[in-house]
Each structure stands twice: as structure tokens, then as C-alpha cells.
Amino acid sequence: MDTYDILLYGSYILIGIGAVLAVFMPLIKSLDNPKSLLKTAVGIVGIVVLFFIAYSISSNEVLPKFEASPFNLTPAGSQLVGGMLITTYILAIVALGSIVLTEVTKAIK
């Protein structure tokens, strides 16, 4: 094993530790204030509901060129990808709309 391999695996471990701490430390800190957990739960439930709405309206049609190797896309996979794309589009539009609305209200004040 080269030094590069050891350092690369070490960086993978550090990235993993950082990701775990980035998720769990705010949760541990928010146990002091349970109302903040409720706001987080409402946000997560809202995104999940939005995804299921987007998933239900997305198509499960697969073009023949994507059914074969190397893609091997199934109708269920196609519908999942469509739901994720629609969810991303809706969230991006909401984010851009809120930015515009905020700037307009700041300009009016």
C-alpha cells in the first residue's frame, strides 16, 4: 500500500466522521429545545409529501434505448427519477420565488 492510498482512505474516514457529526450534533443540540425539532419534522414531512405528489404525477414510460444495457431502466425506476426531478424543480422555483419576494419587500420598505 502506498502512502497515497493510506492518506486517501484516511480522508474517506474523516469525511464520513464529518458527515455523521454534521447530522447528529444539531439533533443532540436541539434536544434542549423540543420546539425546534417540531419545526424540523414539519419541514421533512412537507418535503416527503411533495415528493409523493411529484411521484404520483410522473410518468413511468421508458424509451427502448434506455431499457437495454448499460442503463437497464425499469418503469418503476423511471417514475422514481421523474418524481425526484419534479420535486427538485418545484423546490427550486419556490426558492427563487422566495428570494425575489424578499428582495421586493426589502425594496418597498
PDB file of N, CA and C in Angstrom:
ATOM      1  N   MET A   1       0.838  -1.185   0.000  1.00  0.00           N
ATOM      2  CA  MET A   1       0.000   0.000   0.000  1.00  0.00           C
ATOM      3  C   MET A   1       0.880   1.244   0.000  1.00  0.00           C
ATOM      4  N   ASP A   2       0.591   2.141  -0.910  1.00  0.00           N
ATOM      5  CA  ASP A   2       1.334   3.390  -0.988  1.00  0.00           C
ATOM      6  C   ASP A   2       0.889   4.357   0.098  1.00  0.00           C
ATOM      7  N   THR A   3       1.685   5.389   0.251  1.00  0.00           N
ATOM      8  CA  THR A   3       1.300   6.459   1.168  1.00  0.00           C
ATOM      9  C   THR A   3       0.045   7.154   0.671  1.00  0.00           C
ATOM     10  N   TYR A   4      -0.082   7.259  -0.656  1.00  0.00           N
ATOM     11  CA  TYR A   4      -1.262   7.904  -1.230  1.00  0.00           C
ATOM     12  C   TYR A   4      -2.536   7.139  -0.881  1.00  0.00           C
ATOM     13  N   ASP A   5      -2.467   5.821  -0.948  1.00  0.00           N
ATOM     14  CA  ASP A   5      -3.637   5.007  -0.611  1.00  0.00           C
ATOM     15  C   ASP A   5      -4.026   5.181   0.851  1.00  0.00           C
ATOM     16  N   ILE A   6      -3.045   5.181   1.721  1.00  0.00           N
ATOM     17  CA  ILE A   6      -3.327   5.335   3.148  1.00  0.00           C
ATOM     18  C   ILE A   6      -3.958   6.694   3.415  1.00  0.00           C
ATOM     19  N   LEU A   7      -3.397   7.737   2.809  1.00  0.00           N
ATOM     20  CA  LEU A   7      -3.953   9.079   3.009  1.00  0.00           C
ATOM     21  C   LEU A   7      -5.344   9.204   2.395  1.00  0.00           C
ATOM     22  N   LEU A   8      -5.562   8.535   1.274  1.00  0.00           N
ATOM     23  CA  LEU A   8      -6.878   8.571   0.644  1.00  0.00           C
ATOM     24  C   LEU A   8      -7.922   7.892   1.532  1.00  0.00           C
ATOM     25  N   TYR A   9      -7.584   6.724   2.067  1.00  0.00           N
ATOM     26  CA  TYR A   9      -8.518   6.040   2.978  1.00  0.00           C
ATOM     27  C   TYR A   9      -8.724   6.845   4.253  1.00  0.00           C
ATOM     28  N   GLY A  10      -7.678   7.485   4.727  1.00  0.00           N
ATOM     29  CA  GLY A  10      -7.822   8.350   5.901  1.00  0.00           C
ATOM     30  C   GLY A  10      -8.763   9.508   5.633  1.00  0.00           C
ATOM     31  N   SER A  11      -8.675  10.075   4.431  1.00  0.00           N
ATOM     32  CA  SER A  11      -9.583  11.181   4.097  1.00  0.00           C
ATOM     33  C   SER A  11     -11.022  10.686   3.973  1.00  0.00           C
ATOM     34  N   TYR A  12     -11.217   9.470   3.448  1.00  0.00           N
ATOM     35  CA  TYR A  12     -12.565   8.897   3.406  1.00  0.00           C
ATOM     36  C   TYR A  12     -13.140   8.760   4.811  1.00  0.00           C
ATOM     37  N   ILE A  13     -12.329   8.289   5.730  1.00  0.00           N
ATOM     38  CA  ILE A  13     -12.787   8.120   7.117  1.00  0.00           C
ATOM     39  C   ILE A  13     -13.137   9.473   7.729  1.00  0.00           C
ATOM     40  N   LEU A  14     -12.293  10.470   7.505  1.00  0.00           N
ATOM     41  CA  LEU A  14     -12.561  11.802   8.067  1.00  0.00           C
ATOM     42  C   LEU A  14     -13.810  12.431   7.464  1.00  0.00           C
ATOM     43  N   ILE A  15     -14.042  12.230   6.173  1.00  0.00           N
ATOM     44  CA  ILE A  15     -15.260  12.743   5.538  1.00  0.00           C
ATOM     45  C   ILE A  15     -16.482  12.050   6.136  1.00  0.00           C
ATOM     46  N   GLY A  16     -16.389  10.749   6.349  1.00  0.00           N
ATOM     47  CA  GLY A  16     -17.503  10.011   6.968  1.00  0.00           C
ATOM     48  C   GLY A  16     -17.795  10.502   8.373  1.00  0.00           C
ATOM     49  N   ILE A  17     -16.741  10.692   9.163  1.00  0.00           N
ATOM     50  CA  ILE A  17     -16.926  11.195  10.529  1.00  0.00           C
ATOM     51  C   ILE A  17     -17.542  12.593  10.498  1.00  0.00           C
ATOM     52  N   GLY A  18     -17.067  13.441   9.597  1.00  0.00           N
ATOM     53  CA  GLY A  18     -17.619  14.792   9.473  1.00  0.00           C
ATOM     54  C   GLY A  18     -19.086  14.774   9.079  1.00  0.00           C
ATOM     55  N   ALA A  19     -19.459  13.883   8.159  1.00  0.00           N
ATOM     56  CA  ALA A  19     -20.860  13.802   7.728  1.00  0.00           C
ATOM     57  C   ALA A  19     -21.753  13.324   8.872  1.00  0.00           C
ATOM     58  N   VAL A  20     -21.290  12.328   9.616  1.00  0.00           N
ATOM     59  CA  VAL A  20     -22.081  11.827  10.752  1.00  0.00           C
ATOM     60  C   VAL A  20     -22.232  12.908  11.811  1.00  0.00           C
ATOM     61  N   LEU A  21     -21.150  13.605  12.115  1.00  0.00           N
ATOM     62  CA  LEU A  21     -21.233  14.674  13.114  1.00  0.00           C
ATOM     63  C   LEU A  21     -22.101  15.832  12.631  1.00  0.00           C
ATOM     64  N   ALA A  22     -22.067  16.130  11.342  1.00  0.00           N
ATOM     65  CA  ALA A  22     -22.893  17.219  10.803  1.00  0.00           C
ATOM     66  C   ALA A  22     -24.374  16.901  10.914  1.00  0.00           C
ATOM     67  N   VAL A  23     -24.726  15.623  10.905  1.00  0.00           N
ATOM     68  CA  VAL A  23     -26.131  15.243  11.034  1.00  0.00           C
ATOM     69  C   VAL A  23     -26.534  15.139  12.499  1.00  0.00           C
ATOM     70  N   PHE A  24     -25.709  14.490  13.316  1.00  0.00           N
ATOM     71  CA  PHE A  24     -26.138  14.179  14.679  1.00  0.00           C
ATOM     72  C   PHE A  24     -25.907  15.291  15.699  1.00  0.00           C
ATOM     73  N   MET A  25     -24.912  16.132  15.521  1.00  0.00           N
ATOM     74  CA  MET A  25     -24.669  17.187  16.516  1.00  0.00           C
ATOM     75  C   MET A  25     -25.811  18.203  16.595  1.00  0.00           C
ATOM     76  N   PRO A  26     -26.375  18.672  15.480  1.00  0.00           N
ATOM     77  CA  PRO A  26     -27.538  19.560  15.614  1.00  0.00           C
ATOM     78  C   PRO A  26     -28.738  18.871  16.262  1.00  0.00           C
ATOM     79  N   LEU A  27     -28.906  17.567  15.998  1.00  0.00           N
ATOM     80  CA  LEU A  27     -30.001  16.848  16.650  1.00  0.00           C
ATOM     81  C   LEU A  27     -29.800  16.770  18.152  1.00  0.00           C
ATOM     82  N   ILE A  28     -28.581  16.513  18.580  1.00  0.00           N
ATOM     83  CA  ILE A  28     -28.293  16.456  20.017  1.00  0.00           C
ATOM     84  C   ILE A  28     -28.492  17.829  20.644  1.00  0.00           C
ATOM     85  N   LYS A  29     -28.039  18.872  19.963  1.00  0.00           N
ATOM     86  CA  LYS A  29     -28.203  20.234  20.478  1.00  0.00           C
ATOM     87  C   LYS A  29     -29.674  20.641  20.538  1.00  0.00           C
ATOM     88  N   SER A  30     -30.475  20.188  19.596  1.00  0.00           N
ATOM     89  CA  SER A  30     -31.872  20.590  19.563  1.00  0.00           C
ATOM     90  C   SER A  30     -32.725  19.833  20.590  1.00  0.00           C
ATOM     91  N   LEU A  31     -32.168  18.847  21.263  1.00  0.00           N
ATOM     92  CA  LEU A  31     -32.915  18.179  22.337  1.00  0.00           C
ATOM     93  C   LEU A  31     -33.177  19.128  23.501  1.00  0.00           C
ATOM     94  N   ASP A  32     -32.360  20.186  23.618  1.00  0.00           N
ATOM     95  CA  ASP A  32     -32.594  21.205  24.640  1.00  0.00           C
ATOM     96  C   ASP A  32     -33.863  21.993  24.351  1.00  0.00           C
ATOM     97  N   ASN A  33     -34.223  22.144  23.072  1.00  0.00           N
ATOM     98  CA  ASN A  33     -35.388  22.903  22.664  1.00  0.00           C
ATOM     99  C   ASN A  33     -36.256  22.026  21.754  1.00  0.00           C
ATOM    100  N   PRO A  34     -37.240  21.292  22.328  1.00  0.00           N
ATOM    101  CA  PRO A  34     -38.034  20.367  21.512  1.00  0.00           C
ATOM    102  C   PRO A  34     -38.869  21.044  20.429  1.00  0.00           C
ATOM    103  N   LYS A  35     -39.186  22.325  20.578  1.00  0.00           N
ATOM    104  CA  LYS A  35     -39.973  23.009  19.551  1.00  0.00           C
ATOM    105  C   LYS A  35     -39.209  23.128  18.243  1.00  0.00           C
ATOM    106  N   SER A  36     -37.890  23.219  18.326  1.00  0.00           N
ATOM    107  CA  SER A  36     -37.100  23.272  17.099  1.00  0.00           C
ATOM    108  C   SER A  36     -37.149  21.932  16.369  1.00  0.00           C
ATOM    109  N   LEU A  37     -37.257  20.827  17.106  1.00  0.00           N
ATOM    110  CA  LEU A  37     -37.413  19.516  16.481  1.00  0.00           C
ATOM    111  C   LEU A  37     -38.754  19.420  15.761  1.00  0.00           C
ATOM    112  N   LEU A  38     -39.788  20.034  16.318  1.00  0.00           N
ATOM    113  CA  LEU A  38     -41.101  20.008  15.678  1.00  0.00           C
ATOM    114  C   LEU A  38     -41.067  20.754  14.346  1.00  0.00           C
ATOM    115  N   LYS A  39     -40.388  21.895  14.312  1.00  0.00           N
ATOM    116  CA  LYS A  39     -40.266  22.643  13.063  1.00  0.00           C
ATOM    117  C   LYS A  39     -39.504  21.827  12.013  1.00  0.00           C
ATOM    118  N   THR A  40     -38.463  21.142  12.442  1.00  0.00           N
ATOM    119  CA  THR A  40     -37.697  20.302  11.523  1.00  0.00           C
ATOM    120  C   THR A  40     -38.544  19.158  11.002  1.00  0.00           C
ATOM    121  N   ALA A  41     -39.307  18.534  11.883  1.00  0.00           N
ATOM    122  CA  ALA A  41     -40.166  17.413  11.481  1.00  0.00           C
ATOM    123  C   ALA A  41     -41.233  17.876  10.483  1.00  0.00           C
ATOM    124  N   VAL A  42     -41.794  19.047  10.697  1.00  0.00           N
ATOM    125  CA  VAL A  42     -42.800  19.572   9.765  1.00  0.00           C
ATOM    126  C   VAL A  42     -42.169  19.820   8.395  1.00  0.00           C
ATOM    127  N   GLY A  43     -40.954  20.336   8.364  1.00  0.00           N
ATOM    128  CA  GLY A  43     -40.267  20.555   7.098  1.00  0.00           C
ATOM    129  C   GLY A  43     -39.982  19.258   6.354  1.00  0.00           C
ATOM    130  N   ILE A  44     -39.528  18.253   7.085  1.00  0.00           N
ATOM    131  CA  ILE A  44     -39.236  16.957   6.462  1.00  0.00           C
ATOM    132  C   ILE A  44     -40.507  16.308   5.943  1.00  0.00           C
ATOM    133  N   VAL A  45     -41.575  16.354   6.742  1.00  0.00           N
ATOM    134  CA  VAL A  45     -42.852  15.774   6.300  1.00  0.00           C
ATOM    135  C   VAL A  45     -43.362  16.510   5.063  1.00  0.00           C
ATOM    136  N   GLY A  46     -43.195  17.827   5.020  1.00  0.00           N
ATOM    137  CA  GLY A  46     -43.620  18.590   3.848  1.00  0.00           C
ATOM    138  C   GLY A  46     -42.876  18.182   2.587  1.00  0.00           C
ATOM    139  N   ILE A  47     -41.571  17.974   2.704  1.00  0.00           N
ATOM    140  CA  ILE A  47     -40.790  17.556   1.542  1.00  0.00           C
ATOM    141  C   ILE A  47     -41.176  16.148   1.104  1.00  0.00           C
ATOM    142  N   VAL A  48     -41.432  15.259   2.064  1.00  0.00           N
ATOM    143  CA  VAL A  48     -41.849  13.893   1.723  1.00  0.00           C
ATOM    144  C   VAL A  48     -43.210  13.906   1.019  1.00  0.00           C
ATOM    145  N   VAL A  49     -44.144  14.712   1.513  1.00  0.00           N
ATOM    146  CA  VAL A  49     -45.458  14.823   0.873  1.00  0.00           C
ATOM    147  C   VAL A  49     -45.308  15.394  -0.538  1.00  0.00           C
ATOM    148  N   LEU A  50     -44.462  16.405  -0.688  1.00  0.00           N
ATOM    149  CA  LEU A  50     -44.209  16.977  -2.009  1.00  0.00           C
ATOM    150  C   LEU A  50     -43.635  15.928  -2.960  1.00  0.00           C
ATOM    151  N   PHE A  51     -42.716  15.089  -2.453  1.00  0.00           N
ATOM    152  CA  PHE A  51     -42.145  14.039  -3.298  1.00  0.00           C
ATOM    153  C   PHE A  51     -43.213  13.045  -3.725  1.00  0.00           C
ATOM    154  N   PHE A  52     -44.091  12.635  -2.810  1.00  0.00           N
ATOM    155  CA  PHE A  52     -45.114  11.665  -3.187  1.00  0.00           C
ATOM    156  C   PHE A  52     -46.115  12.249  -4.190  1.00  0.00           C
ATOM    157  N   ILE A  53     -46.400  13.531  -4.094  1.00  0.00           N
ATOM    158  CA  ILE A  53     -47.247  14.171  -5.098  1.00  0.00           C
ATOM    159  C   ILE A  53     -46.533  14.176  -6.448  1.00  0.00           C
ATOM    160  N   ALA A  54     -45.255  14.543  -6.449  1.00  0.00           N
ATOM    161  CA  ALA A  54     -44.488  14.558  -7.690  1.00  0.00           C
ATOM    162  C   ALA A  54     -44.336  13.148  -8.251  1.00  0.00           C
ATOM    163  N   TYR A  55     -44.143  12.158  -7.389  1.00  0.00           N
ATOM    164  CA  TYR A  55     -44.010  10.762  -7.827  1.00  0.00           C
ATOM    165  C   TYR A  55     -45.298  10.274  -8.471  1.00  0.00           C
ATOM    166  N   SER A  56     -46.432  10.688  -7.907  1.00  0.00           N
ATOM    167  CA  SER A  56     -47.709  10.215  -8.439  1.00  0.00           C
ATOM    168  C   SER A  56     -48.048  10.841  -9.793  1.00  0.00           C
ATOM    169  N   ILE A  57     -47.532  12.027 -10.083  1.00  0.00           N
ATOM    170  CA  ILE A  57     -47.837  12.645 -11.377  1.00  0.00           C
ATOM    171  C   ILE A  57     -46.770  12.365 -12.430  1.00  0.00           C
ATOM    172  N   SER A  58     -45.652  11.751 -12.034  1.00  0.00           N
ATOM    173  CA  SER A  58     -44.603  11.474 -13.020  1.00  0.00           C
ATOM    174  C   SER A  58     -44.933  10.218 -13.816  1.00  0.00           C
ATOM    175  N   SER A  59     -44.415  10.174 -15.016  1.00  0.00           N
ATOM    176  CA  SER A  59     -44.694   9.081 -15.938  1.00  0.00           C
ATOM    177  C   SER A  59     -43.714   7.924 -15.701  1.00  0.00           C
ATOM    178  N   ASN A  60     -44.179   6.709 -16.000  1.00  0.00           N
ATOM    179  CA  ASN A  60     -43.289   5.558 -15.888  1.00  0.00           C
ATOM    180  C   ASN A  60     -42.891   5.024 -17.263  1.00  0.00           C
ATOM    181  N   GLU A  61     -42.984   5.874 -18.261  1.00  0.00           N
ATOM    182  CA  GLU A  61     -42.631   5.485 -19.623  1.00  0.00           C
ATOM    183  C   GLU A  61     -41.115   5.416 -19.770  1.00  0.00           C
ATOM    184  N   VAL A  62     -40.635   4.356 -20.401  1.00  0.00           N
ATOM    185  CA  VAL A  62     -39.205   4.169 -20.629  1.00  0.00           C
ATOM    186  C   VAL A  62     -38.970   4.010 -22.132  1.00  0.00           C
ATOM    187  N   LEU A  63     -38.092   4.815 -22.670  1.00  0.00           N
ATOM    188  CA  LEU A  63     -37.749   4.685 -24.077  1.00  0.00           C
ATOM    189  C   LEU A  63     -36.956   3.397 -24.301  1.00  0.00           C
ATOM    190  N   PRO A  64     -37.104   2.778 -25.465  1.00  0.00           N
ATOM    191  CA  PRO A  64     -36.421   1.494 -25.714  1.00  0.00           C
ATOM    192  C   PRO A  64     -34.901   1.555 -25.572  1.00  0.00           C
ATOM    193  N   LYS A  65     -34.291   2.699 -25.920  1.00  0.00           N
ATOM    194  CA  LYS A  65     -32.830   2.767 -25.822  1.00  0.00           C
ATOM    195  C   LYS A  65     -32.345   2.791 -24.369  1.00  0.00           C
ATOM    196  N   PHE A  66     -33.235   3.130 -23.424  1.00  0.00           N
ATOM    197  CA  PHE A  66     -32.844   3.138 -22.018  1.00  0.00           C
ATOM    198  C   PHE A  66     -33.195   1.836 -21.301  1.00  0.00           C
ATOM    199  N   GLU A  67     -33.947   0.962 -21.957  1.00  0.00           N
ATOM    200  CA  GLU A  67     -34.282  -0.323 -21.352  1.00  0.00           C
ATOM    201  C   GLU A  67     -33.117  -1.301 -21.415  1.00  0.00           C
ATOM    202  N   ALA A  68     -32.246  -1.141 -22.407  1.00  0.00           N
ATOM    203  CA  ALA A  68     -31.141  -2.075 -22.609  1.00  0.00           C
ATOM    204  C   ALA A  68     -29.919  -1.644 -21.800  1.00  0.00           C
ATOM    205  N   SER A  69     -28.895  -2.460 -21.896  1.00  0.00           N
ATOM    206  CA  SER A  69     -27.643  -2.178 -21.218  1.00  0.00           C
ATOM    207  C   SER A  69     -27.034  -0.907 -21.810  1.00  0.00           C
ATOM    208  N   PRO A  70     -26.393  -0.040 -21.117  1.00  0.00           N
ATOM    209  CA  PRO A  70     -25.930  -0.064 -19.741  1.00  0.00           C
ATOM    210  C   PRO A  70     -26.907   0.551 -18.746  1.00  0.00           C
ATOM    211  N   PHE A  71     -28.050   1.064 -19.218  1.00  0.00           N
ATOM    212  CA  PHE A  71     -28.969   1.772 -18.327  1.00  0.00           C
ATOM    213  C   PHE A  71     -29.866   0.815 -17.553  1.00  0.00           C
ATOM    214  N   ASN A  72     -30.464  -0.162 -18.246  1.00  0.00           N
ATOM    215  CA  ASN A  72     -31.379  -1.130 -17.634  1.00  0.00           C
ATOM    216  C   ASN A  72     -32.441  -0.440 -16.784  1.00  0.00           C
ATOM    217  N   LEU A  73     -33.067   0.574 -17.320  1.00  0.00           N
ATOM    218  CA  LEU A  73     -34.057   1.361 -16.594  1.00  0.00           C
ATOM    219  C   LEU A  73     -35.412   0.661 -16.636  1.00  0.00           C
ATOM    220  N   THR A  74     -36.025   0.522 -15.482  1.00  0.00           N
ATOM    221  CA  THR A  74     -37.343  -0.091 -15.379  1.00  0.00           C
ATOM    222  C   THR A  74     -38.402   1.001 -15.284  1.00  0.00           C
ATOM    223  N   PRO A  75     -39.670   0.669 -15.492  1.00  0.00           N
ATOM    224  CA  PRO A  75     -40.717   1.688 -15.323  1.00  0.00           C
ATOM    225  C   PRO A  75     -40.762   2.270 -13.908  1.00  0.00           C
ATOM    226  N   ALA A  76     -40.523   1.446 -12.890  1.00  0.00           N
ATOM    227  CA  ALA A  76     -40.517   1.963 -11.513  1.00  0.00           C
ATOM    228  C   ALA A  76     -39.356   2.920 -11.295  1.00  0.00           C
ATOM    229  N   GLY A  77     -38.193   2.590 -11.852  1.00  0.00           N
ATOM    230  CA  GLY A  77     -37.042   3.484 -11.736  1.00  0.00           C
ATOM    231  C   GLY A  77     -37.261   4.788 -12.476  1.00  0.00           C
ATOM    232  N   SER A  78     -37.911   4.693 -13.641  1.00  0.00           N
ATOM    233  CA  SER A  78     -38.214   5.889 -14.411  1.00  0.00           C
ATOM    234  C   SER A  78     -39.170   6.810 -13.646  1.00  0.00           C
ATOM    235  N   GLN A  79     -40.157   6.219 -12.999  1.00  0.00           N
ATOM    236  CA  GLN A  79     -41.105   7.024 -12.233  1.00  0.00           C
ATOM    237  C   GLN A  79     -40.422   7.641 -11.007  1.00  0.00           C
ATOM    238  N   LEU A  80     -39.500   6.915 -10.380  1.00  0.00           N
ATOM    239  CA  LEU A  80     -38.765   7.448  -9.235  1.00  0.00           C
ATOM    240  C   LEU A  80     -37.900   8.636  -9.647  1.00  0.00           C
ATOM    241  N   VAL A  81     -37.199   8.496 -10.758  1.00  0.00           N
ATOM    242  CA  VAL A  81     -36.365   9.593 -11.250  1.00  0.00           C
ATOM    243  C   VAL A  81     -37.234  10.789 -11.631  1.00  0.00           C
ATOM    244  N   GLY A  82     -38.368  10.534 -12.268  1.00  0.00           N
ATOM    245  CA  GLY A  82     -39.277  11.624 -12.620  1.00  0.00           C
ATOM    246  C   GLY A  82     -39.801  12.345 -11.387  1.00  0.00           C
ATOM    247  N   GLY A  83     -40.132  11.589 -10.350  1.00  0.00           N
ATOM    248  CA  GLY A  83     -40.596  12.208  -9.106  1.00  0.00           C
ATOM    249  C   GLY A  83     -39.526  13.060  -8.459  1.00  0.00           C
ATOM    250  N   MET A  84     -38.289  12.583  -8.484  1.00  0.00           N
ATOM    251  CA  MET A  84     -37.187  13.364  -7.907  1.00  0.00           C
ATOM    252  C   MET A  84     -36.942  14.641  -8.703  1.00  0.00           C
ATOM    253  N   LEU A  85     -37.009  14.535 -10.031  1.00  0.00           N
ATOM    254  CA  LEU A  85     -36.806  15.720 -10.861  1.00  0.00           C
ATOM    255  C   LEU A  85     -37.900  16.762 -10.646  1.00  0.00           C
ATOM    256  N   ILE A  86     -39.143  16.316 -10.603  1.00  0.00           N
ATOM    257  CA  ILE A  86     -40.251  17.257 -10.393  1.00  0.00           C
ATOM    258  C   ILE A  86     -40.139  17.908  -9.018  1.00  0.00           C
ATOM    259  N   THR A  87     -39.769  17.117  -7.995  1.00  0.00           N
ATOM    260  CA  THR A  87     -39.575  17.673  -6.656  1.00  0.00           C
ATOM    261  C   THR A  87     -38.473  18.722  -6.666  1.00  0.00           C
ATOM    262  N   THR A  88     -37.376  18.447  -7.355  1.00  0.00           N
ATOM    263  CA  THR A  88     -36.274  19.404  -7.441  1.00  0.00           C
ATOM    264  C   THR A  88     -36.707  20.676  -8.152  1.00  0.00           C
ATOM    265  N   TYR A  89     -37.459  20.531  -9.230  1.00  0.00           N
ATOM    266  CA  TYR A  89     -37.935  21.708  -9.953  1.00  0.00           C
ATOM    267  C   TYR A  89     -38.844  22.572  -9.073  1.00  0.00           C
ATOM    268  N   ILE A  90     -39.762  21.941  -8.367  1.00  0.00           N
ATOM    269  CA  ILE A  90     -40.692  22.695  -7.511  1.00  0.00           C
ATOM    270  C   ILE A  90     -39.939  23.403  -6.400  1.00  0.00           C
ATOM    271  N   LEU A  91     -38.993  22.713  -5.754  1.00  0.00           N
ATOM    272  CA  LEU A  91     -38.230  23.340  -4.668  1.00  0.00           C
ATOM    273  C   LEU A  91     -37.366  24.490  -5.188  1.00  0.00           C
ATOM    274  N   ALA A  92     -36.807  24.346  -6.388  1.00  0.00           N
ATOM    275  CA  ALA A  92     -36.003  25.422  -6.963  1.00  0.00           C
ATOM    276  C   ALA A  92     -36.866  26.639  -7.282  1.00  0.00           C
ATOM    277  N   ILE A  93     -38.050  26.402  -7.823  1.00  0.00           N
ATOM    278  CA  ILE A  93     -38.954  27.514  -8.140  1.00  0.00           C
ATOM    279  C   ILE A  93     -39.409  28.224  -6.871  1.00  0.00           C
ATOM    280  N   VAL A  94     -39.710  27.450  -5.836  1.00  0.00           N
ATOM    281  CA  VAL A  94     -40.111  28.057  -4.555  1.00  0.00           C
ATOM    282  C   VAL A  94     -38.960  28.869  -3.964  1.00  0.00           C
ATOM    283  N   ALA A  95     -37.737  28.342  -4.043  1.00  0.00           N
ATOM    284  CA  ALA A  95     -36.584  29.068  -3.503  1.00  0.00           C
ATOM    285  C   ALA A  95     -36.347  30.372  -4.265  1.00  0.00           C
ATOM    286  N   LEU A  96     -36.385  30.319  -5.585  1.00  0.00           N
ATOM    287  CA  LEU A  96     -36.191  31.533  -6.373  1.00  0.00           C
ATOM    288  C   LEU A  96     -37.324  32.538  -6.150  1.00  0.00           C
ATOM    289  N   GLY A  97     -38.550  32.042  -6.037  1.00  0.00           N
ATOM    290  CA  GLY A  97     -39.678  32.928  -5.755  1.00  0.00           C
ATOM    291  C   GLY A  97     -39.559  33.605  -4.403  1.00  0.00           C
ATOM    292  N   SER A  98     -39.091  32.863  -3.405  1.00  0.00           N
ATOM    293  CA  SER A  98     -38.939  33.472  -2.085  1.00  0.00           C
ATOM    294  C   SER A  98     -37.812  34.499  -2.070  1.00  0.00           C
ATOM    295  N   ILE A  99     -36.756  34.256  -2.849  1.00  0.00           N
ATOM    296  CA  ILE A  99     -35.674  35.244  -2.947  1.00  0.00           C
ATOM    297  C   ILE A  99     -36.192  36.529  -3.589  1.00  0.00           C
ATOM    298  N   VAL A 100     -36.930  36.397  -4.671  1.00  0.00           N
ATOM    299  CA  VAL A 100     -37.482  37.582  -5.354  1.00  0.00           C
ATOM    300  C   VAL A 100     -38.441  38.323  -4.441  1.00  0.00           C
ATOM    301  N   LEU A 101     -39.318  37.584  -3.757  1.00  0.00           N
ATOM    302  CA  LEU A 101     -40.276  38.209  -2.851  1.00  0.00           C
ATOM    303  C   LEU A 101     -39.585  38.951  -1.721  1.00  0.00           C
ATOM    304  N   THR A 102     -38.537  38.358  -1.162  1.00  0.00           N
ATOM    305  CA  THR A 102     -37.799  39.009  -0.097  1.00  0.00           C
ATOM    306  C   THR A 102     -37.150  40.308  -0.579  1.00  0.00           C
ATOM    307  N   GLU A 103     -36.556  40.269  -1.748  1.00  0.00           N
ATOM    308  CA  GLU A 103     -35.896  41.472  -2.270  1.00  0.00           C
ATOM    309  C   GLU A 103     -36.919  42.558  -2.596  1.00  0.00           C
ATOM    310  N   VAL A 104     -38.076  42.190  -3.112  1.00  0.00           N
ATOM    311  CA  VAL A 104     -39.106  43.176  -3.413  1.00  0.00           C
ATOM    312  C   VAL A 104     -39.628  43.818  -2.137  1.00  0.00           C
ATOM    313  N   THR A 105     -39.854  43.017  -1.110  1.00  0.00           N
ATOM    314  CA  THR A 105     -40.346  43.590   0.160  1.00  0.00           C
ATOM    315  C   THR A 105     -39.285  44.466   0.814  1.00  0.00           C
ATOM    316  N   LYS A 106     -38.008  44.120   0.658  1.00  0.00           N
ATOM    317  CA  LYS A 106     -36.945  44.989   1.188  1.00  0.00           C
ATOM    318  C   LYS A 106     -36.896  46.306   0.421  1.00  0.00           C
ATOM    319  N   ALA A 107     -37.122  46.256  -0.885  1.00  0.00           N
ATOM    320  CA  ALA A 107     -37.074  47.475  -1.698  1.00  0.00           C
ATOM    321  C   ALA A 107     -38.250  48.397  -1.371  1.00  0.00           C
ATOM    322  N   ILE A 108     -39.391  47.813  -1.037  1.00  0.00           N
ATOM    323  CA  ILE A 108     -40.569  48.624  -0.729  1.00  0.00           C
ATOM    324  C   ILE A 108     -40.401  49.311   0.616  1.00  0.00           C
ATOM    325  N   LYS A 109     -39.811  48.634   1.579  1.00  0.00           N
ATOM    326  CA  LYS A 109     -39.607  49.237   2.906  1.00  0.00           C
ATOM    327  C   LYS A 109     -38.591  50.295   2.806  1.00  0.00           C
TER     328      LYS A 109
END
